[in-house]
Amino acid sequence: MTLNQVKQYHLIINTMKNLYLTLLLALFLVGCATEPQNVPKKEISFHVAGMYCEGCVTAITDKMSKLDGAEDVVVTLEDSLVVVKFPENKIPTDETLSTLIEELGYQIVLEEETL
């Protein structure tokens, strides 16, 4: 083996080591960035006045699903109930929910009110 061949061999080995280490570092960083956060979920529910058909249910479901963090949106026509799960750190304010529902032409019914 000539000196030139030895140098080329060492260059290839060093390049492969660097590539391997870079790949390991990238995988480590991606793994850290995508580690799931175990934020507790909270279910909120409220009644909505003015729902009369499945179109109303669909409109409210679509709108609620677009809220940041909203999961498992369930809207039932029979009891005019909206149930949504949110991570505890992303629960919208009552004002936000009220505004959202009013934009669709409905109203949130307070617990003391009757449907």
PDB file of N, CA and C in Angstrom:
ATOM      1  N   MET A   1       0.851  -1.169   0.000  1.00  0.00           N
ATOM      2  CA  MET A   1       0.000   0.000   0.000  1.00  0.00           C
ATOM      3  C   MET A   1       0.900   1.236   0.000  1.00  0.00           C
ATOM      4  N   THR A   2       0.603   2.138  -0.880  1.00  0.00           N
ATOM      5  CA  THR A   2       1.420   3.342  -0.977  1.00  0.00           C
ATOM      6  C   THR A   2       0.949   4.375   0.037  1.00  0.00           C
ATOM      7  N   LEU A   3       1.774   5.369   0.237  1.00  0.00           N
ATOM      8  CA  LEU A   3       1.451   6.441   1.180  1.00  0.00           C
ATOM      9  C   LEU A   3       0.187   7.179   0.752  1.00  0.00           C
ATOM     10  N   ASN A   4       0.023   7.369  -0.542  1.00  0.00           N
ATOM     11  CA  ASN A   4      -1.172   8.040  -1.072  1.00  0.00           C
ATOM     12  C   ASN A   4      -2.430   7.231  -0.773  1.00  0.00           C
ATOM     13  N   GLN A   5      -2.359   5.926  -0.937  1.00  0.00           N
ATOM     14  CA  GLN A   5      -3.504   5.065  -0.668  1.00  0.00           C
ATOM     15  C   GLN A   5      -3.861   5.074   0.817  1.00  0.00           C
ATOM     16  N   VAL A   6      -2.847   5.092   1.676  1.00  0.00           N
ATOM     17  CA  VAL A   6      -3.079   5.140   3.116  1.00  0.00           C
ATOM     18  C   VAL A   6      -3.779   6.445   3.490  1.00  0.00           C
ATOM     19  N   LYS A   7      -3.330   7.552   2.898  1.00  0.00           N
ATOM     20  CA  LYS A   7      -3.955   8.852   3.170  1.00  0.00           C
ATOM     21  C   LYS A   7      -5.415   8.857   2.712  1.00  0.00           C
ATOM     22  N   GLN A   8      -5.672   8.289   1.535  1.00  0.00           N
ATOM     23  CA  GLN A   8      -7.044   8.228   1.028  1.00  0.00           C
ATOM     24  C   GLN A   8      -7.917   7.358   1.932  1.00  0.00           C
ATOM     25  N   TYR A   9      -7.344   6.244   2.384  1.00  0.00           N
ATOM     26  CA  TYR A   9      -8.064   5.346   3.279  1.00  0.00           C
ATOM     27  C   TYR A   9      -8.439   6.072   4.574  1.00  0.00           C
ATOM     28  N   HIS A  10      -7.496   6.787   5.169  1.00  0.00           N
ATOM     29  CA  HIS A  10      -7.762   7.538   6.399  1.00  0.00           C
ATOM     30  C   HIS A  10      -8.783   8.654   6.167  1.00  0.00           C
ATOM     31  N   LEU A  11      -8.715   9.290   5.020  1.00  0.00           N
ATOM     32  CA  LEU A  11      -9.675  10.338   4.680  1.00  0.00           C
ATOM     33  C   LEU A  11     -11.090   9.763   4.595  1.00  0.00           C
ATOM     34  N   ILE A  12     -11.214   8.597   3.962  1.00  0.00           N
ATOM     35  CA  ILE A  12     -12.529   7.953   3.843  1.00  0.00           C
ATOM     36  C   ILE A  12     -13.053   7.555   5.218  1.00  0.00           C
ATOM     37  N   ILE A  13     -12.184   6.971   6.041  1.00  0.00           N
ATOM     38  CA  ILE A  13     -12.585   6.553   7.387  1.00  0.00           C
ATOM     39  C   ILE A  13     -13.029   7.757   8.215  1.00  0.00           C
ATOM     40  N   ASN A  14     -12.267   8.841   8.181  1.00  0.00           N
ATOM     41  CA  ASN A  14     -12.622  10.048   8.942  1.00  0.00           C
ATOM     42  C   ASN A  14     -13.930  10.654   8.450  1.00  0.00           C
ATOM     43  N   THR A  15     -14.134  10.655   7.144  1.00  0.00           N
ATOM     44  CA  THR A  15     -15.374  11.179   6.572  1.00  0.00           C
ATOM     45  C   THR A  15     -16.564  10.346   7.036  1.00  0.00           C
ATOM     46  N   MET A  16     -16.411   9.032   7.037  1.00  0.00           N
ATOM     47  CA  MET A  16     -17.493   8.150   7.475  1.00  0.00           C
ATOM     48  C   MET A  16     -17.778   8.334   8.969  1.00  0.00           C
ATOM     49  N   LYS A  17     -16.744   8.527   9.776  1.00  0.00           N
ATOM     50  CA  LYS A  17     -16.930   8.772  11.204  1.00  0.00           C
ATOM     51  C   LYS A  17     -17.715  10.065  11.418  1.00  0.00           C
ATOM     52  N   ASN A  18     -17.320  11.103  10.696  1.00  0.00           N
ATOM     53  CA  ASN A  18     -18.012  12.394  10.822  1.00  0.00           C
ATOM     54  C   ASN A  18     -19.476  12.277  10.397  1.00  0.00           C
ATOM     55  N   LEU A  19     -19.716  11.564   9.313  1.00  0.00           N
ATOM     56  CA  LEU A  19     -21.080  11.373   8.828  1.00  0.00           C
ATOM     57  C   LEU A  19     -21.910  10.600   9.854  1.00  0.00           C
ATOM     58  N   TYR A  20     -21.336   9.559  10.415  1.00  0.00           N
ATOM     59  CA  TYR A  20     -22.012   8.751  11.425  1.00  0.00           C
ATOM     60  C   TYR A  20     -22.341   9.587  12.666  1.00  0.00           C
ATOM     61  N   LEU A  21     -21.384  10.359  13.143  1.00  0.00           N
ATOM     62  CA  LEU A  21     -21.614  11.193  14.324  1.00  0.00           C
ATOM     63  C   LEU A  21     -22.656  12.275  14.054  1.00  0.00           C
ATOM     64  N   THR A  22     -22.621  12.849  12.862  1.00  0.00           N
ATOM     65  CA  THR A  22     -23.607  13.861  12.485  1.00  0.00           C
ATOM     66  C   THR A  22     -25.007  13.257  12.452  1.00  0.00           C
ATOM     67  N   LEU A  23     -25.110  12.052  11.902  1.00  0.00           N
ATOM     68  CA  LEU A  23     -26.399  11.366  11.850  1.00  0.00           C
ATOM     69  C   LEU A  23     -26.914  11.061  13.259  1.00  0.00           C
ATOM     70  N   LEU A  24     -26.057  10.590  14.132  1.00  0.00           N
ATOM     71  CA  LEU A  24     -26.458  10.322  15.515  1.00  0.00           C
ATOM     72  C   LEU A  24     -26.925  11.592  16.224  1.00  0.00           C
ATOM     73  N   LEU A  25     -26.198  12.680  16.023  1.00  0.00           N
ATOM     74  CA  LEU A  25     -26.579  13.953  16.634  1.00  0.00           C
ATOM     75  C   LEU A  25     -27.939  14.418  16.109  1.00  0.00           C
ATOM     76  N   ALA A  26     -28.155  14.299  14.798  1.00  0.00           N
ATOM     77  CA  ALA A  26     -29.430  14.710  14.207  1.00  0.00           C
ATOM     78  C   ALA A  26     -30.581  13.881  14.774  1.00  0.00           C
ATOM     79  N   LEU A  27     -30.386  12.576  14.886  1.00  0.00           N
ATOM     80  CA  LEU A  27     -31.433  11.718  15.444  1.00  0.00           C
ATOM     81  C   LEU A  27     -31.719  12.066  16.899  1.00  0.00           C
ATOM     82  N   PHE A  28     -30.692  12.366  17.646  1.00  0.00           N
ATOM     83  CA  PHE A  28     -30.863  12.754  19.043  1.00  0.00           C
ATOM     84  C   PHE A  28     -31.672  14.046  19.151  1.00  0.00           C
ATOM     85  N   LEU A  29     -31.320  15.035  18.327  1.00  0.00           N
ATOM     86  CA  LEU A  29     -32.018  16.318  18.381  1.00  0.00           C
ATOM     87  C   LEU A  29     -33.472  16.186  17.952  1.00  0.00           C
ATOM     88  N   VAL A  30     -33.733  15.397  16.922  1.00  0.00           N
ATOM     89  CA  VAL A  30     -35.111  15.184  16.477  1.00  0.00           C
ATOM     90  C   VAL A  30     -35.897  14.462  17.563  1.00  0.00           C
ATOM     91  N   GLY A  31     -35.284  13.485  18.190  1.00  0.00           N
ATOM     92  CA  GLY A  31     -35.943  12.757  19.272  1.00  0.00           C
ATOM     93  C   GLY A  31     -36.293  13.659  20.433  1.00  0.00           C
ATOM     94  N   CYS A  32     -35.414  14.578  20.764  1.00  0.00           N
ATOM     95  CA  CYS A  32     -35.686  15.511  21.866  1.00  0.00           C
ATOM     96  C   CYS A  32     -36.798  16.479  21.499  1.00  0.00           C
ATOM     97  N   ALA A  33     -36.822  16.911  20.257  1.00  0.00           N
ATOM     98  CA  ALA A  33     -37.807  17.902  19.826  1.00  0.00           C
ATOM     99  C   ALA A  33     -39.208  17.311  19.741  1.00  0.00           C
ATOM    100  N   THR A  34     -39.316  16.016  19.471  1.00  0.00           N
ATOM    101  CA  THR A  34     -40.634  15.421  19.283  1.00  0.00           C
ATOM    102  C   THR A  34     -41.092  14.593  20.471  1.00  0.00           C
ATOM    103  N   GLU A  35     -40.409  14.698  21.585  1.00  0.00           N
ATOM    104  CA  GLU A  35     -40.817  13.949  22.770  1.00  0.00           C
ATOM    105  C   GLU A  35     -42.181  14.452  23.226  1.00  0.00           C
ATOM    106  N   PRO A  36     -43.146  13.547  23.385  1.00  0.00           N
ATOM    107  CA  PRO A  36     -44.494  13.992  23.757  1.00  0.00           C
ATOM    108  C   PRO A  36     -44.527  14.624  25.142  1.00  0.00           C
ATOM    109  N   GLN A  37     -45.322  15.660  25.235  1.00  0.00           N
ATOM    110  CA  GLN A  37     -45.501  16.320  26.522  1.00  0.00           C
ATOM    111  C   GLN A  37     -46.782  15.780  27.141  1.00  0.00           C
ATOM    112  N   ASN A  38     -46.693  15.347  28.349  1.00  0.00           N
ATOM    113  CA  ASN A  38     -47.854  14.780  29.026  1.00  0.00           C
ATOM    114  C   ASN A  38     -48.626  15.859  29.769  1.00  0.00           C
ATOM    115  N   VAL A  39     -49.251  16.739  29.000  1.00  0.00           N
ATOM    116  CA  VAL A  39     -50.069  17.794  29.591  1.00  0.00           C
ATOM    117  C   VAL A  39     -51.448  17.196  29.864  1.00  0.00           C
ATOM    118  N   PRO A  40     -51.928  17.297  31.090  1.00  0.00           N
ATOM    119  CA  PRO A  40     -53.252  16.741  31.412  1.00  0.00           C
ATOM    120  C   PRO A  40     -54.343  17.389  30.562  1.00  0.00           C
ATOM    121  N   LYS A  41     -55.344  16.600  30.213  1.00  0.00           N
ATOM    122  CA  LYS A  41     -56.467  17.082  29.415  1.00  0.00           C
ATOM    123  C   LYS A  41     -57.643  17.407  30.334  1.00  0.00           C
ATOM    124  N   LYS A  42     -58.427  18.380  29.897  1.00  0.00           N
ATOM    125  CA  LYS A  42     -59.633  18.741  30.642  1.00  0.00           C
ATOM    126  C   LYS A  42     -60.796  18.797  29.659  1.00  0.00           C
ATOM    127  N   GLU A  43     -61.898  18.238  30.064  1.00  0.00           N
ATOM    128  CA  GLU A  43     -63.092  18.243  29.233  1.00  0.00           C
ATOM    129  C   GLU A  43     -63.977  19.412  29.645  1.00  0.00           C
ATOM    130  N   ILE A  44     -64.339  20.225  28.663  1.00  0.00           N
ATOM    131  CA  ILE A  44     -65.273  21.317  28.943  1.00  0.00           C
ATOM    132  C   ILE A  44     -66.569  21.029  28.193  1.00  0.00           C
ATOM    133  N   SER A  45     -67.660  21.486  28.745  1.00  0.00           N
ATOM    134  CA  SER A  45     -68.947  21.288  28.078  1.00  0.00           C
ATOM    135  C   SER A  45     -69.834  22.498  28.328  1.00  0.00           C
ATOM    136  N   PHE A  46     -70.700  22.740  27.363  1.00  0.00           N
ATOM    137  CA  PHE A  46     -71.660  23.837  27.485  1.00  0.00           C
ATOM    138  C   PHE A  46     -72.820  23.575  26.535  1.00  0.00           C
ATOM    139  N   HIS A  47     -73.953  24.170  26.847  1.00  0.00           N
ATOM    140  CA  HIS A  47     -75.139  24.052  26.007  1.00  0.00           C
ATOM    141  C   HIS A  47     -75.186  25.230  25.038  1.00  0.00           C
ATOM    142  N   VAL A  48     -75.789  24.974  23.880  1.00  0.00           N
ATOM    143  CA  VAL A  48     -75.905  26.004  22.848  1.00  0.00           C
ATOM    144  C   VAL A  48     -77.376  26.140  22.458  1.00  0.00           C
ATOM    145  N   ALA A  49     -77.871  27.364  22.468  1.00  0.00           N
ATOM    146  CA  ALA A  49     -79.248  27.633  22.046  1.00  0.00           C
ATOM    147  C   ALA A  49     -79.267  27.933  20.551  1.00  0.00           C
ATOM    148  N   GLY A  50     -80.281  27.411  19.876  1.00  0.00           N
ATOM    149  CA  GLY A  50     -80.464  27.732  18.470  1.00  0.00           C
ATOM    150  C   GLY A  50     -80.052  26.638  17.506  1.00  0.00           C
ATOM    151  N   MET A  51     -79.618  25.483  18.002  1.00  0.00           N
ATOM    152  CA  MET A  51     -79.280  24.373  17.103  1.00  0.00           C
ATOM    153  C   MET A  51     -80.567  23.625  16.752  1.00  0.00           C
ATOM    154  N   TYR A  52     -80.827  23.468  15.429  1.00  0.00           N
ATOM    155  CA  TYR A  52     -82.062  22.820  15.009  1.00  0.00           C
ATOM    156  C   TYR A  52     -81.862  21.666  14.041  1.00  0.00           C
ATOM    157  N   CYS A  53     -80.647  21.512  13.516  1.00  0.00           N
ATOM    158  CA  CYS A  53     -80.441  20.469  12.511  1.00  0.00           C
ATOM    159  C   CYS A  53     -78.992  19.980  12.530  1.00  0.00           C
ATOM    160  N   GLU A  54     -78.733  18.962  11.736  1.00  0.00           N
ATOM    161  CA  GLU A  54     -77.376  18.413  11.656  1.00  0.00           C
ATOM    162  C   GLU A  54     -76.395  19.419  11.046  1.00  0.00           C
ATOM    163  N   GLY A  55     -76.914  20.352  10.248  1.00  0.00           N
ATOM    164  CA  GLY A  55     -76.053  21.407   9.702  1.00  0.00           C
ATOM    165  C   GLY A  55     -75.494  22.285  10.813  1.00  0.00           C
ATOM    166  N   CYS A  56     -76.326  22.542  11.815  1.00  0.00           N
ATOM    167  CA  CYS A  56     -75.879  23.314  12.984  1.00  0.00           C
ATOM    168  C   CYS A  56     -74.779  22.552  13.715  1.00  0.00           C
ATOM    169  N   VAL A  57     -74.994  21.258  13.895  1.00  0.00           N
ATOM    170  CA  VAL A  57     -74.015  20.408  14.577  1.00  0.00           C
ATOM    171  C   VAL A  57     -72.688  20.432  13.827  1.00  0.00           C
ATOM    172  N   THR A  58     -72.755  20.298  12.510  1.00  0.00           N
ATOM    173  CA  THR A  58     -71.542  20.302  11.688  1.00  0.00           C
ATOM    174  C   THR A  58     -70.818  21.637  11.772  1.00  0.00           C
ATOM    175  N   ALA A  59     -71.561  22.732  11.703  1.00  0.00           N
ATOM    176  CA  ALA A  59     -70.941  24.067  11.761  1.00  0.00           C
ATOM    177  C   ALA A  59     -70.212  24.275  13.086  1.00  0.00           C
ATOM    178  N   ILE A  60     -70.856  23.907  14.182  1.00  0.00           N
ATOM    179  CA  ILE A  60     -70.236  24.086  15.503  1.00  0.00           C
ATOM    180  C   ILE A  60     -69.046  23.147  15.669  1.00  0.00           C
ATOM    181  N   THR A  61     -69.198  21.907  15.217  1.00  0.00           N
ATOM    182  CA  THR A  61     -68.094  20.942  15.309  1.00  0.00           C
ATOM    183  C   THR A  61     -66.877  21.441  14.545  1.00  0.00           C
ATOM    184  N   ASP A  62     -67.098  21.915  13.318  1.00  0.00           N
ATOM    185  CA  ASP A  62     -65.982  22.420  12.501  1.00  0.00           C
ATOM    186  C   ASP A  62     -65.299  23.610  13.163  1.00  0.00           C
ATOM    187  N   LYS A  63     -66.093  24.543  13.657  1.00  0.00           N
ATOM    188  CA  LYS A  63     -65.535  25.751  14.276  1.00  0.00           C
ATOM    189  C   LYS A  63     -64.756  25.409  15.544  1.00  0.00           C
ATOM    190  N   MET A  64     -65.309  24.547  16.381  1.00  0.00           N
ATOM    191  CA  MET A  64     -64.640  24.167  17.629  1.00  0.00           C
ATOM    192  C   MET A  64     -63.359  23.382  17.352  1.00  0.00           C
ATOM    193  N   SER A  65     -63.370  22.568  16.315  1.00  0.00           N
ATOM    194  CA  SER A  65     -62.196  21.753  15.977  1.00  0.00           C
ATOM    195  C   SER A  65     -61.000  22.601  15.578  1.00  0.00           C
ATOM    196  N   LYS A  66     -61.265  23.825  15.125  1.00  0.00           N
ATOM    197  CA  LYS A  66     -60.177  24.709  14.690  1.00  0.00           C
ATOM    198  C   LYS A  66     -59.504  25.453  15.841  1.00  0.00           C
ATOM    199  N   LEU A  67     -60.080  25.364  17.035  1.00  0.00           N
ATOM    200  CA  LEU A  67     -59.456  26.007  18.196  1.00  0.00           C
ATOM    201  C   LEU A  67     -58.151  25.306  18.531  1.00  0.00           C
ATOM    202  N   ASP A  68     -57.164  26.075  18.919  1.00  0.00           N
ATOM    203  CA  ASP A  68     -55.854  25.533  19.262  1.00  0.00           C
ATOM    204  C   ASP A  68     -55.960  24.524  20.401  1.00  0.00           C
ATOM    205  N   GLY A  69     -55.552  23.299  20.141  1.00  0.00           N
ATOM    206  CA  GLY A  69     -55.543  22.263  21.166  1.00  0.00           C
ATOM    207  C   GLY A  69     -56.819  21.456  21.278  1.00  0.00           C
ATOM    208  N   ALA A  70     -57.870  21.827  20.543  1.00  0.00           N
ATOM    209  CA  ALA A  70     -59.152  21.122  20.653  1.00  0.00           C
ATOM    210  C   ALA A  70     -59.019  19.671  20.198  1.00  0.00           C
ATOM    211  N   GLU A  71     -59.569  18.767  21.011  1.00  0.00           N
ATOM    212  CA  GLU A  71     -59.570  17.340  20.688  1.00  0.00           C
ATOM    213  C   GLU A  71     -60.942  16.765  21.001  1.00  0.00           C
ATOM    214  N   ASP A  72     -61.304  15.730  20.299  1.00  0.00           N
ATOM    215  CA  ASP A  72     -62.536  14.988  20.594  1.00  0.00           C
ATOM    216  C   ASP A  72     -63.747  15.908  20.741  1.00  0.00           C
ATOM    217  N   VAL A  73     -64.041  16.665  19.700  1.00  0.00           N
ATOM    218  CA  VAL A  73     -65.207  17.558  19.721  1.00  0.00           C
ATOM    219  C   VAL A  73     -66.466  16.727  19.475  1.00  0.00           C
ATOM    220  N   VAL A  74     -67.412  16.808  20.413  1.00  0.00           N
ATOM    221  CA  VAL A  74     -68.686  16.097  20.270  1.00  0.00           C
ATOM    222  C   VAL A  74     -69.815  17.103  20.468  1.00  0.00           C
ATOM    223  N   VAL A  75     -70.666  17.228  19.450  1.00  0.00           N
ATOM    224  CA  VAL A  75     -71.818  18.129  19.520  1.00  0.00           C
ATOM    225  C   VAL A  75     -73.062  17.277  19.314  1.00  0.00           C
ATOM    226  N   THR A  76     -73.983  17.324  20.268  1.00  0.00           N
ATOM    227  CA  THR A  76     -75.211  16.533  20.146  1.00  0.00           C
ATOM    228  C   THR A  76     -76.415  17.451  20.011  1.00  0.00           C
ATOM    229  N   LEU A  77     -77.211  17.161  19.007  1.00  0.00           N
ATOM    230  CA  LEU A  77     -78.387  17.975  18.705  1.00  0.00           C
ATOM    231  C   LEU A  77     -79.491  17.776  19.747  1.00  0.00           C
ATOM    232  N   GLU A  78     -79.675  16.546  20.200  1.00  0.00           N
ATOM    233  CA  GLU A  78     -80.775  16.218  21.111  1.00  0.00           C
ATOM    234  C   GLU A  78     -80.751  17.055  22.386  1.00  0.00           C
ATOM    235  N   ASP A  79     -79.580  17.214  22.973  1.00  0.00           N
ATOM    236  CA  ASP A  79     -79.501  17.993  24.214  1.00  0.00           C
ATOM    237  C   ASP A  79     -78.753  19.311  24.038  1.00  0.00           C
ATOM    238  N   SER A  80     -78.469  19.670  22.792  1.00  0.00           N
ATOM    239  CA  SER A  80     -77.779  20.935  22.468  1.00  0.00           C
ATOM    240  C   SER A  80     -76.485  21.096  23.260  1.00  0.00           C
ATOM    241  N   LEU A  81     -75.735  20.024  23.365  1.00  0.00           N
ATOM    242  CA  LEU A  81     -74.536  20.004  24.190  1.00  0.00           C
ATOM    243  C   LEU A  81     -73.274  19.933  23.332  1.00  0.00           C
ATOM    244  N   VAL A  82     -72.276  20.715  23.737  1.00  0.00           N
ATOM    245  CA  VAL A  82     -70.956  20.690  23.106  1.00  0.00           C
ATOM    246  C   VAL A  82     -69.964  20.220  24.163  1.00  0.00           C
ATOM    247  N   VAL A  83     -69.185  19.199  23.822  1.00  0.00           N
ATOM    248  CA  VAL A  83     -68.165  18.675  24.727  1.00  0.00           C
ATOM    249  C   VAL A  83     -66.851  18.632  23.957  1.00  0.00           C
ATOM    250  N   VAL A  84     -65.811  19.240  24.539  1.00  0.00           N
ATOM    251  CA  VAL A  84     -64.499  19.306  23.887  1.00  0.00           C
ATOM    252  C   VAL A  84     -63.413  19.057  24.927  1.00  0.00           C
ATOM    253  N   LYS A  85     -62.372  18.332  24.521  1.00  0.00           N
ATOM    254  CA  LYS A  85     -61.212  18.145  25.395  1.00  0.00           C
ATOM    255  C   LYS A  85     -60.108  19.086  24.945  1.00  0.00           C
ATOM    256  N   PHE A  86     -59.438  19.689  25.925  1.00  0.00           N
ATOM    257  CA  PHE A  86     -58.303  20.574  25.685  1.00  0.00           C
ATOM    258  C   PHE A  86     -57.174  20.197  26.635  1.00  0.00           C
ATOM    259  N   PRO A  87     -55.918  20.397  26.201  1.00  0.00           N
ATOM    260  CA  PRO A  87     -54.833  20.325  27.179  1.00  0.00           C
ATOM    261  C   PRO A  87     -55.064  21.445  28.191  1.00  0.00           C
ATOM    262  N   GLU A  88     -54.731  21.193  29.454  1.00  0.00           N
ATOM    263  CA  GLU A  88     -55.014  22.191  30.497  1.00  0.00           C
ATOM    264  C   GLU A  88     -54.367  23.543  30.227  1.00  0.00           C
ATOM    265  N   ASN A  89     -53.272  23.551  29.469  1.00  0.00           N
ATOM    266  CA  ASN A  89     -52.596  24.819  29.189  1.00  0.00           C
ATOM    267  C   ASN A  89     -53.155  25.526  27.948  1.00  0.00           C
ATOM    268  N   LYS A  90     -54.213  24.976  27.331  1.00  0.00           N
ATOM    269  CA  LYS A  90     -54.783  25.600  26.131  1.00  0.00           C
ATOM    270  C   LYS A  90     -56.296  25.763  26.207  1.00  0.00           C
ATOM    271  N   ILE A  91     -56.844  25.755  27.389  1.00  0.00           N
ATOM    272  CA  ILE A  91     -58.291  25.905  27.532  1.00  0.00           C
ATOM    273  C   ILE A  91     -58.676  27.345  27.196  1.00  0.00           C
ATOM    274  N   PRO A  92     -59.601  27.527  26.243  1.00  0.00           N
ATOM    275  CA  PRO A  92     -60.005  28.892  25.880  1.00  0.00           C
ATOM    276  C   PRO A  92     -60.852  29.527  26.985  1.00  0.00           C
ATOM    277  N   THR A  93     -60.880  30.839  26.970  1.00  0.00           N
ATOM    278  CA  THR A  93     -61.685  31.564  27.955  1.00  0.00           C
ATOM    279  C   THR A  93     -63.164  31.441  27.598  1.00  0.00           C
ATOM    280  N   ASP A  94     -64.008  31.710  28.573  1.00  0.00           N
ATOM    281  CA  ASP A  94     -65.453  31.704  28.327  1.00  0.00           C
ATOM    282  C   ASP A  94     -65.809  32.725  27.250  1.00  0.00           C
ATOM    283  N   GLU A  95     -65.127  33.856  27.287  1.00  0.00           N
ATOM    284  CA  GLU A  95     -65.377  34.913  26.297  1.00  0.00           C
ATOM    285  C   GLU A  95     -65.033  34.430  24.887  1.00  0.00           C
ATOM    286  N   THR A  96     -63.917  33.731  24.754  1.00  0.00           N
ATOM    287  CA  THR A  96     -63.514  33.202  23.442  1.00  0.00           C
ATOM    288  C   THR A  96     -64.557  32.222  22.925  1.00  0.00           C
ATOM    289  N   LEU A  97     -64.998  31.318  23.782  1.00  0.00           N
ATOM    290  CA  LEU A  97     -66.009  30.338  23.373  1.00  0.00           C
ATOM    291  C   LEU A  97     -67.315  31.018  22.997  1.00  0.00           C
ATOM    292  N   SER A  98     -67.732  31.986  23.794  1.00  0.00           N
ATOM    293  CA  SER A  98     -68.974  32.701  23.530  1.00  0.00           C
ATOM    294  C   SER A  98     -68.912  33.434  22.192  1.00  0.00           C
ATOM    295  N   THR A  99     -67.800  34.117  21.947  1.00  0.00           N
ATOM    296  CA  THR A  99     -67.620  34.844  20.684  1.00  0.00           C
ATOM    297  C   THR A  99     -67.651  33.889  19.502  1.00  0.00           C
ATOM    298  N   LEU A 100     -66.976  32.766  19.640  1.00  0.00           N
ATOM    299  CA  LEU A 100     -66.912  31.769  18.574  1.00  0.00           C
ATOM    300  C   LEU A 100     -68.303  31.253  18.222  1.00  0.00           C
ATOM    301  N   ILE A 101     -69.082  30.930  19.235  1.00  0.00           N
ATOM    302  CA  ILE A 101     -70.432  30.406  19.016  1.00  0.00           C
ATOM    303  C   ILE A 101     -71.349  31.490  18.454  1.00  0.00           C
ATOM    304  N   GLU A 102     -71.222  32.717  18.957  1.00  0.00           N
ATOM    305  CA  GLU A 102     -72.049  33.826  18.468  1.00  0.00           C
ATOM    306  C   GLU A 102     -71.742  34.159  17.013  1.00  0.00           C
ATOM    307  N   GLU A 103     -70.486  33.981  16.586  1.00  0.00           N
ATOM    308  CA  GLU A 103     -70.125  34.216  15.180  1.00  0.00           C
ATOM    309  C   GLU A 103     -70.910  33.297  14.246  1.00  0.00           C
ATOM    310  N   LEU A 104     -71.311  32.146  14.760  1.00  0.00           N
ATOM    311  CA  LEU A 104     -72.087  31.195  13.960  1.00  0.00           C
ATOM    312  C   LEU A 104     -73.591  31.442  14.047  1.00  0.00           C
ATOM    313  N   GLY A 105     -73.992  32.390  14.902  1.00  0.00           N
ATOM    314  CA  GLY A 105     -75.410  32.704  15.035  1.00  0.00           C
ATOM    315  C   GLY A 105     -76.113  31.973  16.166  1.00  0.00           C
ATOM    316  N   TYR A 106     -75.355  31.403  17.087  1.00  0.00           N
ATOM    317  CA  TYR A 106     -75.927  30.688  18.233  1.00  0.00           C
ATOM    318  C   TYR A 106     -75.512  31.391  19.517  1.00  0.00           C
ATOM    319  N   GLN A 107     -76.041  30.902  20.634  1.00  0.00           N
ATOM    320  CA  GLN A 107     -75.666  31.461  21.932  1.00  0.00           C
ATOM    321  C   GLN A 107     -75.355  30.345  22.909  1.00  0.00           C
ATOM    322  N   ILE A 108     -74.339  30.587  23.739  1.00  0.00           N
ATOM    323  CA  ILE A 108     -74.045  29.659  24.822  1.00  0.00           C
ATOM    324  C   ILE A 108     -75.082  29.887  25.912  1.00  0.00           C
ATOM    325  N   VAL A 109     -75.651  28.803  26.419  1.00  0.00           N
ATOM    326  CA  VAL A 109     -76.653  28.882  27.477  1.00  0.00           C
ATOM    327  C   VAL A 109     -75.952  28.653  28.803  1.00  0.00           C
ATOM    328  N   LEU A 110     -76.104  29.600  29.711  1.00  0.00           N
ATOM    329  CA  LEU A 110     -75.525  29.449  31.040  1.00  0.00           C
ATOM    330  C   LEU A 110     -76.275  28.366  31.799  1.00  0.00           C
ATOM    331  N   GLU A 111     -75.626  27.746  32.761  1.00  0.00           N
ATOM    332  CA  GLU A 111     -76.212  26.633  33.510  1.00  0.00           C
ATOM    333  C   GLU A 111     -77.553  26.985  34.140  1.00  0.00           C
ATOM    334  N   GLU A 112     -77.737  28.228  34.575  1.00  0.00           N
ATOM    335  CA  GLU A 112     -78.975  28.621  35.232  1.00  0.00           C
ATOM    336  C   GLU A 112     -80.135  28.732  34.241  1.00  0.00           C
ATOM    337  N   GLU A 113     -79.794  28.954  32.957  1.00  0.00           N
ATOM    338  CA  GLU A 113     -80.824  29.124  31.945  1.00  0.00           C
ATOM    339  C   GLU A 113     -81.355  27.764  31.513  1.00  0.00           C
ATOM    340  N   THR A 114     -82.558  27.758  30.971  1.00  0.00           N
ATOM    341  CA  THR A 114     -83.120  26.520  30.434  1.00  0.00           C
ATOM    342  C   THR A 114     -83.140  26.610  28.923  1.00  0.00           C
ATOM    343  N   LEU A 115     -83.125  25.473  28.292  1.00  0.00           N
ATOM    344  CA  LEU A 115     -83.113  25.450  26.820  1.00  0.00           C
ATOM    345  C   LEU A 115     -84.496  25.640  26.258  1.00  0.00           C
TER     346      LEU A 115
END
